[in-house]
Amino acid sequence: MGGLACVPHGRLTWHAGQVTVTDDEFTGVFHDELQKANYPVVGNQDNLFPDPSESSAELMVGGRIDKLNANICSNVSGMKGGAFIHVDWEIYDVIARKVVYKTATEGSYKTEKNSQSGGVPEFMTNAFDIAVQNLLADEGFHALVTRKEGAGSATAVQAVLPIIEMRAPPAISSMGDARAASVTVLTGTGHGSGFIISPDGYVITNQHVVQEARAVKVRLATQREVVGEVVRTDAARDVALIKLAESNLPAVSIRSADAPEVGDEVFAIGAPLLDKLDVTVTRGIVSAYRDTRGFKFIQSDVSVHPGSSGGPLVDKSGLVVGVCDWGMQTGGVNESLNFFIPIADAVTRLQIHLGNTKPTVLSTR
């Protein structure tokens, strides 16, 4: 109800799209409440253009206001009264591509003091604020949003982390095996590459490919897409470990006995530039071993491009010797100066153990 000088005047009505409280006002209230409650939020509602960090969101929250009642009177001193709001909420899982939770909350706001600050919209947004607070207190919502905050979340690798035991693939490998074990890691901003290192469904890739995500989609060489959980990362060494939701998958073996010599032939496998170019194989040689930023790298002239990051560098037998990491460009053109993380370093930093395989640490040659 609305009234002038606090005299009942009639029911407030509006048509769809004509209410003066905008989506931005409700969004701002929702965003602020999540931050105050220390819920993980990505993106910045004040940005004029889309925030790239929004692509790392695993859950999206939508609210539909199906009831909104207001009892407000206005006089020369301002407005007083109250408002009630009922909101139906749905939580959408971006990776699973489905609504995973539904609930409803209410919010009421009332004041006997005259307010001159925000008019009618202030009453509505204050009621919505209470509805949001009730959502954040909802046990189901809380459990869903914080389900991976504890053990098993992506963590910077430290010496105290336990070793992950996993099955090793057969010691004998081929280029066909290496291609079958290569994967494409799909993210909201693009894609990267990776490879299955154990039939148990573990994938190695770069940390800069998964960034802060806790779950990703991984496309196998067969073109099937599988959900994977990022179980461990090491930002300093730029490596990450993903556990796929399936097992008994084709895996590639690592070269553990020795390191390739400078001049030895090597092959890179990945999805350069476009994800539809997955499982592309390019050939080059080991150009040198370099110490850069405090870490050892394999330098090679093998052709790689954005999208190849995280893919395997293999020898002519299809055994992994390195992980594609970065390259030098001039004017946007790759100069065939590309650098790979030695597989021994990746395995050590991620603290994984493949059966009885103990990779030899690569030395500078």
Protein backbone atom coordinates (compact mmCIF):
# COMPACT_ATOMS: atom_id res chain seq x y z
CA MET A 1 0.00 0.00 0.00
CA GLY A 2 1.11 3.54 -0.61
CA GLY A 3 -0.14 6.84 0.74
CA LEU A 4 0.44 10.56 0.83
CA ALA A 5 0.84 12.11 4.26
CA CYS A 6 0.33 8.59 5.64
CA VAL A 7 -3.26 8.42 4.42
CA PRO A 8 -4.03 5.05 2.73
CA HIS A 9 -4.01 5.63 -0.98
CA GLY A 10 -4.13 2.24 -2.72
CA ARG A 11 -2.20 -0.82 -3.81
CA LEU A 12 1.18 -0.41 -5.51
CA THR A 13 1.33 -2.27 -8.83
CA TRP A 14 3.75 -2.46 -11.70
CA HIS A 15 4.28 -4.31 -14.94
CA ALA A 16 7.32 -6.47 -15.78
CA GLY A 17 10.33 -4.33 -16.58
CA GLN A 18 8.83 -1.12 -15.12
CA VAL A 19 9.78 -1.42 -11.45
CA THR A 20 12.19 1.36 -10.51
CA VAL A 21 14.45 -0.94 -8.46
CA THR A 22 17.05 -2.15 -10.96
CA ASP A 23 18.82 -5.50 -11.16
CA ASP A 24 22.08 -3.69 -10.43
CA GLU A 25 20.78 -2.55 -7.03
CA PHE A 26 19.79 -6.09 -6.03
CA THR A 27 23.05 -7.47 -7.42
CA GLY A 28 25.04 -4.95 -5.41
CA VAL A 29 23.27 -5.95 -2.21
CA PHE A 30 23.85 -9.64 -2.93
CA HIS A 31 27.54 -9.11 -3.75
CA ASP A 32 28.15 -7.04 -0.60
CA GLU A 33 26.50 -9.58 1.69
CA LEU A 34 28.56 -12.46 0.28
CA GLN A 35 31.77 -10.53 0.80
CA LYS A 36 30.84 -9.53 4.36
CA ALA A 37 30.13 -13.18 5.17
CA ASN A 38 33.53 -14.23 3.68
CA TYR A 39 31.98 -16.34 0.94
CA PRO A 40 34.26 -16.81 -2.11
CA VAL A 41 33.18 -14.32 -4.80
CA VAL A 42 34.76 -13.76 -8.21
CA GLY A 43 34.31 -10.76 -10.45
CA ASN A 44 33.74 -7.12 -9.60
CA GLN A 45 30.24 -5.73 -9.91
CA ASP A 46 31.64 -2.21 -10.40
CA ASN A 47 33.51 -3.13 -13.59
CA LEU A 48 32.06 -1.66 -16.76
CA PHE A 49 33.21 -4.66 -18.79
CA PRO A 50 33.19 -8.39 -18.01
CA ASP A 51 35.78 -9.41 -15.43
CA PRO A 52 37.99 -12.29 -16.69
CA SER A 53 38.01 -13.74 -13.16
CA GLU A 54 34.30 -14.47 -13.49
CA SER A 55 35.18 -17.38 -15.78
CA SER A 56 36.66 -19.22 -12.79
CA ALA A 57 33.31 -19.31 -11.01
CA GLU A 58 32.14 -22.85 -10.37
CA LEU A 59 28.68 -21.89 -9.10
CA MET A 60 26.21 -19.24 -10.23
CA VAL A 61 23.35 -18.01 -8.06
CA GLY A 62 20.05 -16.81 -9.48
CA GLY A 63 17.12 -15.34 -7.58
CA ARG A 64 13.53 -14.79 -8.71
CA ILE A 65 11.43 -12.37 -6.66
CA ASP A 66 7.89 -13.74 -6.75
CA LYS A 67 6.40 -11.71 -3.86
CA LEU A 68 7.03 -8.10 -2.98
CA ASN A 69 4.73 -6.19 -0.64
CA ALA A 70 5.27 -2.66 0.63
CA ASN A 71 3.36 -0.52 3.14
CA ILE A 72 4.88 2.93 2.88
CA CYS A 73 3.58 6.37 3.75
CA SER A 74 5.13 9.64 2.67
CA ASN A 75 5.03 13.13 4.15
CA VAL A 76 7.17 16.24 4.17
CA SER A 77 9.56 14.60 6.62
CA GLY A 78 10.25 11.60 4.41
CA MET A 79 8.98 8.03 4.24
CA LYS A 80 8.29 5.34 6.79
CA GLY A 81 6.76 1.89 6.73
CA GLY A 82 8.02 -1.48 5.62
CA ALA A 83 8.45 -4.03 2.87
CA PHE A 84 8.33 -7.83 2.52
CA ILE A 85 10.03 -9.90 -0.15
CA HIS A 86 10.05 -13.60 -1.07
CA VAL A 87 12.85 -14.98 -3.28
CA ASP A 88 13.18 -18.34 -5.00
CA TRP A 89 16.87 -19.23 -5.38
CA GLU A 90 18.60 -21.64 -7.76
CA ILE A 91 22.29 -22.62 -7.69
CA TYR A 92 23.77 -23.60 -11.04
CA ASP A 93 26.91 -25.75 -11.30
CA VAL A 94 28.92 -24.41 -14.27
CA ILE A 95 30.97 -27.59 -14.69
CA ALA A 96 28.05 -30.03 -14.38
CA ARG A 97 25.82 -27.67 -16.40
CA LYS A 98 22.78 -28.15 -14.20
CA VAL A 99 20.90 -26.67 -11.26
CA VAL A 100 22.18 -28.43 -8.14
CA TYR A 101 20.22 -26.70 -5.37
CA LYS A 102 16.96 -24.83 -4.87
CA THR A 103 15.65 -22.99 -1.85
CA ALA A 104 13.53 -19.98 -0.91
CA THR A 105 14.00 -17.21 1.65
CA GLU A 106 12.07 -14.20 2.88
CA GLY A 107 13.05 -10.78 4.09
CA SER A 108 11.18 -8.06 5.98
CA TYR A 109 12.16 -4.49 6.72
CA LYS A 110 10.26 -1.89 8.75
CA THR A 111 11.02 1.51 10.20
CA GLU A 112 8.92 3.98 12.16
CA LYS A 113 11.42 6.75 11.54
CA ASN A 114 11.05 8.96 8.51
CA SER A 115 13.73 8.31 5.91
CA GLN A 116 14.70 10.75 3.18
CA SER A 117 17.67 8.90 1.74
CA GLY A 118 16.54 6.30 -0.77
CA GLY A 119 12.79 6.49 -1.16
CA VAL A 120 10.73 3.40 -2.01
CA PRO A 121 13.71 1.46 -3.49
CA GLU A 122 15.49 1.64 -0.13
CA PHE A 123 12.68 -0.30 1.57
CA MET A 124 12.78 -2.99 -1.14
CA THR A 125 16.56 -3.41 -1.14
CA ASN A 126 16.65 -3.55 2.67
CA ALA A 127 14.07 -6.34 2.62
CA PHE A 128 16.07 -8.09 -0.10
CA ASP A 129 19.20 -7.73 2.05
CA ILE A 130 17.52 -9.75 4.81
CA ALA A 131 16.46 -12.41 2.29
CA VAL A 132 20.08 -12.69 1.14
CA GLN A 133 21.30 -13.03 4.73
CA ASN A 134 18.81 -15.85 5.22
CA LEU A 135 20.15 -17.55 2.09
CA LEU A 136 23.71 -17.36 3.41
CA ALA A 137 22.52 -18.95 6.65
CA ASP A 138 20.84 -21.79 4.75
CA GLU A 139 22.67 -25.03 5.64
CA GLY A 140 22.30 -26.51 2.18
CA PHE A 141 23.66 -23.39 0.49
CA HIS A 142 26.57 -23.15 2.91
CA ALA A 143 27.51 -26.82 2.47
CA LEU A 144 27.38 -26.51 -1.33
CA VAL A 145 29.48 -23.35 -1.62
CA THR A 146 32.13 -24.48 0.88
CA ARG A 147 32.18 -28.17 -0.09
CA LYS A 148 35.79 -28.09 -1.32
CA GLU A 149 37.30 -25.49 0.97
CA GLY A 150 38.97 -28.10 3.17
CA ALA A 151 41.08 -31.14 2.51
CA GLY A 152 41.57 -31.92 -1.14
CA SER A 153 41.37 -28.37 -2.40
CA ALA A 154 44.04 -26.96 -4.69
CA THR A 155 46.97 -26.15 -2.43
CA ALA A 156 50.44 -24.80 -3.02
CA VAL A 157 52.69 -27.84 -2.70
CA GLN A 158 54.85 -28.00 0.41
CA ALA A 159 57.15 -30.70 1.75
CA VAL A 160 54.63 -31.63 4.44
CA LEU A 161 52.03 -32.77 1.89
CA PRO A 162 51.61 -36.53 1.72
CA ILE A 163 52.80 -38.37 -1.36
CA ILE A 164 49.99 -39.42 -3.70
CA GLU A 165 50.38 -43.07 -4.63
CA MET A 166 49.06 -44.00 -8.07
CA ARG A 167 49.34 -46.81 -10.56
CA ALA A 168 52.04 -46.46 -13.19
CA PRO A 169 51.19 -47.20 -16.83
CA PRO A 170 53.06 -49.96 -18.68
CA ALA A 171 56.77 -49.23 -18.99
CA ILE A 172 56.64 -49.72 -22.75
CA SER A 173 55.13 -46.76 -24.60
CA SER A 174 54.66 -45.49 -28.14
CA MET A 175 53.71 -42.26 -29.85
CA GLY A 176 50.19 -43.65 -30.21
CA ASP A 177 50.02 -44.21 -26.44
CA ALA A 178 51.23 -40.67 -25.80
CA ARG A 179 48.57 -39.20 -28.11
CA ALA A 180 45.83 -41.35 -26.56
CA ALA A 181 46.80 -40.05 -23.11
CA SER A 182 46.88 -36.38 -24.17
CA VAL A 183 43.96 -34.21 -23.06
CA THR A 184 42.60 -30.69 -23.51
CA VAL A 185 41.79 -28.73 -20.36
CA LEU A 186 38.79 -26.47 -21.02
CA THR A 187 38.45 -23.26 -19.00
CA GLY A 188 36.13 -20.28 -19.11
CA THR A 189 38.77 -18.10 -20.78
CA GLY A 190 40.12 -20.63 -23.26
CA HIS A 191 41.95 -23.92 -23.05
CA GLY A 192 45.23 -25.62 -22.27
CA SER A 193 46.70 -29.08 -22.65
CA GLY A 194 47.69 -31.90 -20.33
CA PHE A 195 48.33 -35.62 -20.17
CA ILE A 196 47.11 -38.60 -18.15
CA ILE A 197 50.00 -39.92 -16.10
CA SER A 198 48.21 -42.80 -14.38
CA PRO A 199 45.36 -45.16 -15.31
CA ASP A 200 43.79 -43.98 -12.02
CA GLY A 201 42.78 -40.81 -13.88
CA TYR A 202 45.44 -38.31 -12.79
CA VAL A 203 46.34 -35.52 -15.24
CA ILE A 204 49.37 -33.21 -15.16
CA THR A 205 49.07 -29.71 -16.61
CA ASN A 206 50.23 -26.15 -15.81
CA GLN A 207 49.01 -24.16 -12.85
CA HIS A 208 48.48 -21.18 -15.15
CA VAL A 209 46.02 -23.32 -17.16
CA VAL A 210 43.74 -24.16 -14.20
CA GLN A 211 44.51 -20.94 -12.27
CA GLU A 212 42.27 -20.82 -9.17
CA ALA A 213 39.66 -23.29 -10.39
CA ARG A 214 38.80 -26.26 -8.19
CA ALA A 215 37.08 -28.17 -10.97
CA VAL A 216 37.59 -28.21 -14.73
CA LYS A 217 36.34 -29.97 -17.82
CA VAL A 218 38.84 -32.23 -19.51
CA ARG A 219 38.39 -33.46 -23.09
CA LEU A 220 39.98 -36.83 -23.75
CA ALA A 221 41.64 -37.77 -27.04
CA THR A 222 38.42 -39.67 -27.85
CA GLN A 223 36.55 -36.32 -27.64
CA ARG A 224 34.62 -37.32 -24.51
CA GLU A 225 34.48 -34.65 -21.81
CA VAL A 226 35.10 -35.62 -18.18
CA VAL A 227 34.87 -33.51 -15.03
CA GLY A 228 38.11 -33.27 -13.06
CA GLU A 229 39.00 -31.91 -9.63
CA VAL A 230 42.16 -29.84 -9.22
CA VAL A 231 43.69 -31.66 -6.26
CA ARG A 232 47.12 -30.02 -6.10
CA THR A 233 48.97 -27.05 -7.58
CA ASP A 234 52.42 -25.51 -7.35
CA ALA A 235 52.36 -21.97 -8.68
CA ALA A 236 56.11 -21.47 -8.32
CA ARG A 237 56.89 -24.43 -10.62
CA ASP A 238 53.70 -23.86 -12.63
CA VAL A 239 52.39 -27.43 -12.37
CA ALA A 240 49.00 -28.79 -11.37
CA LEU A 241 47.44 -32.19 -10.78
CA ILE A 242 43.86 -33.00 -11.79
CA LYS A 243 41.91 -36.09 -10.70
CA LEU A 244 39.36 -37.16 -13.28
CA ALA A 245 36.01 -38.63 -12.30
CA GLU A 246 36.92 -41.83 -14.19
CA SER A 247 39.68 -44.43 -14.01
CA ASN A 248 41.20 -47.16 -16.21
CA LEU A 249 42.12 -44.51 -18.75
CA PRO A 250 45.01 -44.61 -21.23
CA ALA A 251 48.11 -43.16 -19.61
CA VAL A 252 51.55 -42.20 -20.89
CA SER A 253 54.78 -43.43 -19.32
CA ILE A 254 57.58 -41.14 -18.17
CA ARG A 255 61.24 -41.46 -19.05
CA SER A 256 62.83 -42.31 -15.72
CA ALA A 257 66.19 -43.88 -16.53
CA ASP A 258 67.95 -40.86 -18.01
CA ALA A 259 67.45 -37.48 -19.61
CA PRO A 260 67.52 -36.78 -23.35
CA GLU A 261 70.76 -35.36 -24.68
CA VAL A 262 71.08 -32.00 -26.40
CA GLY A 263 70.32 -32.67 -30.06
CA ASP A 264 67.97 -35.58 -29.33
CA GLU A 265 64.67 -35.57 -31.19
CA VAL A 266 61.59 -34.67 -29.15
CA PHE A 267 57.87 -34.20 -29.88
CA ALA A 268 55.29 -31.87 -28.33
CA ILE A 269 51.62 -32.89 -28.11
CA GLY A 270 48.81 -30.45 -27.40
CA ALA A 271 46.07 -28.21 -28.73
CA PRO A 272 47.82 -25.15 -30.25
CA LEU A 273 45.69 -22.03 -30.71
CA LEU A 274 42.33 -23.83 -31.06
CA ASP A 275 40.91 -26.60 -28.85
CA LYS A 276 39.70 -28.40 -31.99
CA LEU A 277 43.38 -28.85 -32.93
CA ASP A 278 43.87 -31.16 -29.97
CA VAL A 279 46.40 -34.03 -30.03
CA THR A 280 48.57 -32.14 -32.52
CA VAL A 281 52.13 -33.51 -32.70
CA THR A 282 55.11 -31.31 -33.62
CA ARG A 283 58.79 -32.27 -33.87
CA GLY A 284 62.02 -30.63 -32.78
CA ILE A 285 65.19 -31.26 -30.84
CA VAL A 286 66.48 -30.58 -27.34
CA SER A 287 68.29 -27.28 -27.89
CA ALA A 288 69.77 -26.84 -24.41
CA TYR A 289 69.18 -27.09 -20.68
CA ARG A 290 68.69 -23.74 -18.95
CA ASP A 291 68.53 -22.43 -15.39
CA THR A 292 65.82 -19.75 -15.33
CA ARG A 293 64.09 -18.14 -12.36
CA GLY A 294 65.79 -20.63 -10.07
CA PHE A 295 64.47 -23.68 -11.94
CA LYS A 296 65.80 -26.02 -14.63
CA PHE A 297 64.11 -26.01 -18.04
CA ILE A 298 64.48 -28.02 -21.22
CA GLN A 299 64.88 -25.65 -24.16
CA SER A 300 63.58 -26.90 -27.51
CA ASP A 301 62.82 -25.57 -30.97
CA VAL A 302 59.72 -27.78 -31.23
CA SER A 303 56.73 -25.75 -32.37
CA VAL A 304 54.20 -24.83 -29.67
CA HIS A 305 51.63 -22.05 -29.35
CA PRO A 306 49.11 -20.76 -26.77
CA GLY A 307 46.89 -23.71 -25.92
CA SER A 308 49.85 -26.11 -25.89
CA SER A 309 50.63 -25.19 -22.27
CA GLY A 310 50.59 -28.22 -19.98
CA GLY A 311 51.00 -30.73 -22.80
CA PRO A 312 53.72 -33.40 -22.80
CA LEU A 313 57.13 -33.26 -24.42
CA VAL A 314 57.99 -36.85 -25.37
CA ASP A 315 60.92 -38.68 -26.90
CA LYS A 316 60.72 -40.79 -30.07
CA SER A 317 59.49 -43.75 -27.99
CA GLY A 318 56.56 -41.75 -26.65
CA LEU A 319 57.98 -41.42 -23.11
CA VAL A 320 57.34 -38.08 -21.37
CA VAL A 321 60.43 -36.00 -20.68
CA GLY A 322 58.85 -32.62 -19.97
CA VAL A 323 55.77 -30.41 -19.56
CA CYS A 324 55.19 -27.49 -21.96
CA ASP A 325 55.41 -24.24 -20.01
CA TRP A 326 56.38 -21.07 -21.89
CA GLY A 327 58.04 -19.64 -24.98
CA MET A 328 59.68 -16.47 -26.23
CA GLN A 329 57.92 -14.35 -28.84
CA THR A 330 58.80 -11.28 -30.88
CA GLY A 331 55.93 -9.21 -32.18
CA GLY A 332 53.53 -12.07 -31.40
CA VAL A 333 55.60 -14.55 -33.42
CA ASN A 334 56.99 -17.64 -31.70
CA GLU A 335 60.78 -17.70 -32.09
CA SER A 336 61.17 -21.49 -31.59
CA LEU A 337 62.61 -20.76 -28.16
CA ASN A 338 60.30 -22.84 -25.99
CA PHE A 339 60.81 -24.12 -22.48
CA PHE A 340 59.59 -27.26 -20.77
CA ILE A 341 59.50 -28.35 -17.14
CA PRO A 342 61.50 -31.56 -16.70
CA ILE A 343 59.04 -34.34 -15.86
CA ALA A 344 61.13 -35.30 -12.81
CA ASP A 345 60.63 -31.82 -11.36
CA ALA A 346 56.88 -31.90 -12.03
CA VAL A 347 56.52 -35.29 -10.31
CA THR A 348 58.62 -34.17 -7.34
CA ARG A 349 56.88 -30.81 -6.86
CA LEU A 350 53.44 -32.44 -7.03
CA GLN A 351 54.60 -35.16 -4.61
CA ILE A 352 53.29 -38.09 -6.64
CA HIS A 353 54.62 -41.65 -6.76
CA LEU A 354 53.99 -43.85 -9.77
CA GLY A 355 54.36 -47.45 -8.63
CA ASN A 356 58.07 -48.25 -8.39
CA THR A 357 59.05 -45.51 -10.82
CA LYS A 358 61.50 -42.97 -9.45
CA PRO A 359 62.36 -40.37 -12.09
CA THR A 360 65.98 -39.29 -12.29
CA VAL A 361 66.41 -35.59 -11.66
CA LEU A 362 67.48 -33.95 -14.92
CA SER A 363 70.83 -32.24 -14.79
CA THR A 364 71.94 -29.27 -16.86
CA ARG A 365 73.75 -30.42 -19.99
